[in-house]
Each structure stands twice: as C-alpha cells, then as structure tokens.
Amino acid sequence: MTSNEQARVTIEQMKSPIGRPASQRATLIGLGLNKIGRRSSLVDTPSVRGMIAKVAHLVRVVDAE
C-alpha cells in the first residue's frame, strides 16, 4: 500500500451524546460527528480505533476498506 492508498474506516453516529460524559462528547467531535446519522470517513489508525472503541455504544462502523 502506498502513502496515497491508506486504509479508511467509515463510522456513523447512531445515538445521542446527551447524558454522556464530556470526554465521550469530545471524542465524537474528534471523530467528526455531532448529529445522529452523520458519517465520517477517517484513516484507519490505532488512535482512531481507540476513539471508536471509547464511543462504541454511540457509533457503528459502516465499512472498513
């Protein structure tokens, strides 16, 4: 895989962050999400995977290329 062909992961927000800790809200914003149904495509790195794991109950992975 060349530098131009980085693996990407697409996530979709499924639940609201209302009533969740501030760190989880900040994680959603860091992932580029802020409303239910929004999708974000990010480079698949260990740090992004860790962020997804932190808010796994609020998001779903649509596809990992």
C-alpha atoms as a PDB file:
ATOM      1  CA  MET A   1       0.000   0.000   0.000  1.00  0.00           C
ATOM      2  CA  THR A   2       1.442   3.356  -0.977  1.00  0.00           C
ATOM      3  CA  SER A   3       1.119   6.552   1.024  1.00  0.00           C
ATOM      4  CA  ASN A   4      -1.794   7.625  -1.206  1.00  0.00           C
ATOM      5  CA  GLU A   5      -3.740   4.402  -0.577  1.00  0.00           C
ATOM      6  CA  GLN A   6      -4.274   4.487   3.157  1.00  0.00           C
ATOM      7  CA  ALA A   7      -6.908   2.216   4.661  1.00  0.00           C
ATOM      8  CA  ARG A   8     -10.016   4.124   5.692  1.00  0.00           C
ATOM      9  CA  VAL A   9     -12.833   3.397   8.096  1.00  0.00           C
ATOM     10  CA  THR A  10     -16.306   4.957   7.858  1.00  0.00           C
ATOM     11  CA  ILE A  11     -18.328   5.409  11.029  1.00  0.00           C
ATOM     12  CA  GLU A  12     -21.884   6.590  11.591  1.00  0.00           C
ATOM     13  CA  GLN A  13     -23.311   8.125  14.747  1.00  0.00           C
ATOM     14  CA  MET A  14     -26.321   6.105  15.908  1.00  0.00           C
ATOM     15  CA  LYS A  15     -27.102   7.573  19.337  1.00  0.00           C
ATOM     16  CA  SER A  16     -27.068  10.941  21.033  1.00  0.00           C
ATOM     17  CA  PRO A  17     -24.317  12.014  23.452  1.00  0.00           C
ATOM     18  CA  ILE A  18     -26.903  13.646  25.750  1.00  0.00           C
ATOM     19  CA  GLY A  19     -26.263  12.494  29.301  1.00  0.00           C
ATOM     20  CA  ARG A  20     -22.831  11.098  28.454  1.00  0.00           C
ATOM     21  CA  PRO A  21     -19.548  12.236  29.992  1.00  0.00           C
ATOM     22  CA  ALA A  22     -17.858  15.253  28.434  1.00  0.00           C
ATOM     23  CA  SER A  23     -14.914  13.118  27.301  1.00  0.00           C
ATOM     24  CA  GLN A  24     -17.235  10.977  25.165  1.00  0.00           C
ATOM     25  CA  ARG A  25     -18.798  14.079  23.607  1.00  0.00           C
ATOM     26  CA  ALA A  26     -15.318  15.411  22.836  1.00  0.00           C
ATOM     27  CA  THR A  27     -14.367  12.067  21.291  1.00  0.00           C
ATOM     28  CA  LEU A  28     -17.364  12.218  18.948  1.00  0.00           C
ATOM     29  CA  ILE A  29     -16.358  15.724  17.865  1.00  0.00           C
ATOM     30  CA  GLY A  30     -12.793  14.492  17.343  1.00  0.00           C
ATOM     31  CA  LEU A  31     -14.174  11.780  15.071  1.00  0.00           C
ATOM     32  CA  GLY A  32     -16.033  14.425  13.073  1.00  0.00           C
ATOM     33  CA  LEU A  33     -19.504  13.511  14.335  1.00  0.00           C
ATOM     34  CA  ASN A  34     -22.072  15.721  16.051  1.00  0.00           C
ATOM     35  CA  LYS A  35     -25.542  14.586  14.981  1.00  0.00           C
ATOM     36  CA  ILE A  36     -27.308  11.253  14.672  1.00  0.00           C
ATOM     37  CA  GLY A  37     -26.979   9.816  11.177  1.00  0.00           C
ATOM     38  CA  ARG A  38     -23.806  11.716  10.289  1.00  0.00           C
ATOM     39  CA  ARG A  39     -20.986   9.729   8.743  1.00  0.00           C
ATOM     40  CA  SER A  40     -17.273  10.327   8.853  1.00  0.00           C
ATOM     41  CA  SER A  41     -14.510   8.634   6.883  1.00  0.00           C
ATOM     42  CA  LEU A  42     -11.141   8.571   8.639  1.00  0.00           C
ATOM     43  CA  VAL A  43      -7.737   6.995   8.098  1.00  0.00           C
ATOM     44  CA  ASP A  44      -7.659   3.663   9.925  1.00  0.00           C
ATOM     45  CA  THR A  45      -5.000   4.180  12.608  1.00  0.00           C
ATOM     46  CA  PRO A  46      -4.683   2.747  16.120  1.00  0.00           C
ATOM     47  CA  SER A  47      -5.600   6.120  17.627  1.00  0.00           C
ATOM     48  CA  VAL A  48      -8.816   6.322  15.576  1.00  0.00           C
ATOM     49  CA  ARG A  49      -9.664   2.723  16.504  1.00  0.00           C
ATOM     50  CA  GLY A  50      -9.188   3.630  20.176  1.00  0.00           C
ATOM     51  CA  MET A  51     -11.540   6.590  19.813  1.00  0.00           C
ATOM     52  CA  ILE A  52     -14.134   4.358  18.152  1.00  0.00           C
ATOM     53  CA  ALA A  53     -13.809   1.844  20.991  1.00  0.00           C
ATOM     54  CA  LYS A  54     -14.386   4.597  23.550  1.00  0.00           C
ATOM     55  CA  VAL A  55     -17.745   5.537  21.998  1.00  0.00           C
ATOM     56  CA  ALA A  56     -18.646   2.143  20.506  1.00  0.00           C
ATOM     57  CA  HIS A  57     -22.076   2.313  22.161  1.00  0.00           C
ATOM     58  CA  LEU A  58     -22.865   5.536  20.230  1.00  0.00           C
ATOM     59  CA  VAL A  59     -21.476   4.722  16.766  1.00  0.00           C
ATOM     60  CA  ARG A  60     -21.273   1.896  14.268  1.00  0.00           C
ATOM     61  CA  VAL A  61     -18.607   1.058  11.728  1.00  0.00           C
ATOM     62  CA  VAL A  62     -20.227   1.232   8.299  1.00  0.00           C
ATOM     63  CA  ASP A  63     -17.272  -0.191   6.406  1.00  0.00           C
ATOM     64  CA  ALA A  64     -13.560  -0.673   6.731  1.00  0.00           C
ATOM     65  CA  GLU A  65     -11.787  -0.643   3.375  1.00  0.00           C
END
